[in-house]
């Protein structure tokens, strides 16, 4: 039984694949402007100076990380305080008691 159900699906898949093969491929070579085609190839630079510069900037990066950590810890404290305020009861006790009496 599954073979009969699968056969139309395979036929449809084969038809889709065959039809997609008939599609015209876009000409991508004409997309590059003459100025870009005539542009010189960029020079490759060694990685060692870049790695050394990143290591030299490490001290500045650590200071930035420390400032960011202080800023985030202040924000975390503010969000925790807000969450604590929101944990309280939504209804005042008198209103809650009145509503509960009405339900019973």
Protein backbone atom coordinates (compact mmCIF):
# COMPACT_ATOMS: atom_id res chain seq x y z
CA UNK A 1 0.00 0.00 0.00
CA UNK A 2 2.72 2.61 0.80
CA UNK A 3 4.30 1.99 -2.61
CA UNK A 4 1.10 3.15 -4.36
CA UNK A 5 0.97 6.33 -2.28
CA UNK A 6 4.66 6.99 -2.81
CA UNK A 7 4.54 6.50 -6.58
CA UNK A 8 2.61 9.74 -7.38
CA UNK A 9 4.86 11.63 -4.99
CA UNK A 10 7.97 10.33 -6.74
CA UNK A 11 6.46 11.14 -10.13
CA UNK A 12 5.72 14.71 -9.01
CA UNK A 13 9.23 15.07 -7.59
CA UNK A 14 10.79 13.80 -10.81
CA UNK A 15 8.65 16.24 -12.82
CA UNK A 16 9.73 19.17 -10.61
CA UNK A 17 13.40 18.23 -10.93
CA UNK A 18 13.07 17.84 -14.70
CA UNK A 19 11.31 21.20 -15.06
CA UNK A 20 13.87 22.99 -12.92
CA UNK A 21 16.61 21.70 -15.22
CA UNK A 22 14.95 23.65 -18.05
CA UNK A 23 15.45 26.97 -16.26
CA UNK A 24 17.80 29.45 -17.88
CA UNK A 25 20.94 30.13 -15.87
CA UNK A 26 21.47 33.86 -15.28
CA UNK A 27 24.56 35.45 -16.76
CA UNK A 28 26.52 36.38 -13.68
CA UNK A 29 29.65 37.41 -15.57
CA UNK A 30 28.00 40.63 -16.76
CA UNK A 31 27.20 41.74 -13.20
CA UNK A 32 30.73 43.01 -12.47
CA UNK A 33 31.33 46.63 -13.43
CA UNK A 34 34.32 47.45 -15.66
CA UNK A 35 35.88 49.53 -12.84
CA UNK A 36 35.69 46.58 -10.48
CA UNK A 37 37.07 44.19 -13.10
CA UNK A 38 40.02 46.56 -13.70
CA UNK A 39 40.69 47.14 -9.99
CA UNK A 40 43.97 45.79 -8.62
CA UNK A 41 43.96 42.75 -6.40
CA UNK A 42 44.28 43.81 -2.73
CA UNK A 43 47.59 43.13 -1.03
CA UNK A 44 47.67 40.31 1.47
CA UNK A 45 49.21 41.23 4.80
CA UNK A 46 50.73 38.86 7.35
CA UNK A 47 48.68 37.96 10.40
CA UNK A 48 51.48 38.33 12.96
CA UNK A 49 51.23 42.16 13.23
CA UNK A 50 47.45 41.95 13.57
CA UNK A 51 47.73 39.36 16.32
CA UNK A 52 50.36 41.48 18.10
CA UNK A 53 48.11 44.53 17.85
CA UNK A 54 45.21 42.55 19.29
CA UNK A 55 47.46 41.48 22.18
CA UNK A 56 48.51 45.10 22.78
CA UNK A 57 44.87 46.16 22.84
CA UNK A 58 44.17 43.46 25.42
CA UNK A 59 44.70 45.87 28.33
CA UNK A 60 42.21 48.33 26.87
CA UNK A 61 39.86 45.44 26.20
CA UNK A 62 40.11 44.32 29.82
CA UNK A 63 39.23 47.83 31.03
CA UNK A 64 36.27 47.90 28.68
CA UNK A 65 35.17 44.47 29.89
CA UNK A 66 35.40 45.63 33.52
CA UNK A 67 33.31 48.73 32.77
CA UNK A 68 30.77 46.62 30.94
CA UNK A 69 30.61 44.15 33.83
CA UNK A 70 29.99 46.97 36.32
CA UNK A 71 27.30 48.43 34.09
CA UNK A 72 25.63 45.05 33.67
CA UNK A 73 25.78 44.24 37.38
CA UNK A 74 24.01 47.54 38.11
CA UNK A 75 21.36 46.71 35.55
CA UNK A 76 20.96 43.20 36.99
CA UNK A 77 20.45 44.67 40.46
CA UNK A 78 17.82 47.10 39.13
CA UNK A 79 15.99 44.30 37.32
CA UNK A 80 16.07 42.07 40.41
CA UNK A 81 14.63 44.91 42.51
CA UNK A 82 11.87 45.43 39.96
CA UNK A 83 11.11 41.70 39.92
CA UNK A 84 10.89 41.70 43.73
CA UNK A 85 8.38 44.57 43.59
CA UNK A 86 6.30 42.69 41.03
CA UNK A 87 6.20 39.51 43.15
CA UNK A 88 3.84 41.14 45.63
CA UNK A 89 0.08 40.66 45.58
CA UNK A 90 -1.76 42.15 42.63
CA UNK A 91 -4.93 42.89 44.56
CA UNK A 92 -5.10 44.63 47.91
CA UNK A 93 -6.09 42.19 50.71
CA UNK A 94 -9.56 43.76 51.19
CA UNK A 95 -10.43 43.45 47.49
CA UNK A 96 -9.12 39.91 47.36
CA UNK A 97 -11.24 38.90 50.38
CA UNK A 98 -14.35 40.51 48.85
CA UNK A 99 -13.81 38.68 45.55
CA UNK A 100 -13.25 35.36 47.31
CA UNK A 101 -16.49 35.83 49.29
CA UNK A 102 -18.34 36.42 46.01
CA UNK A 103 -16.97 33.21 44.49
CA UNK A 104 -18.04 31.00 47.40
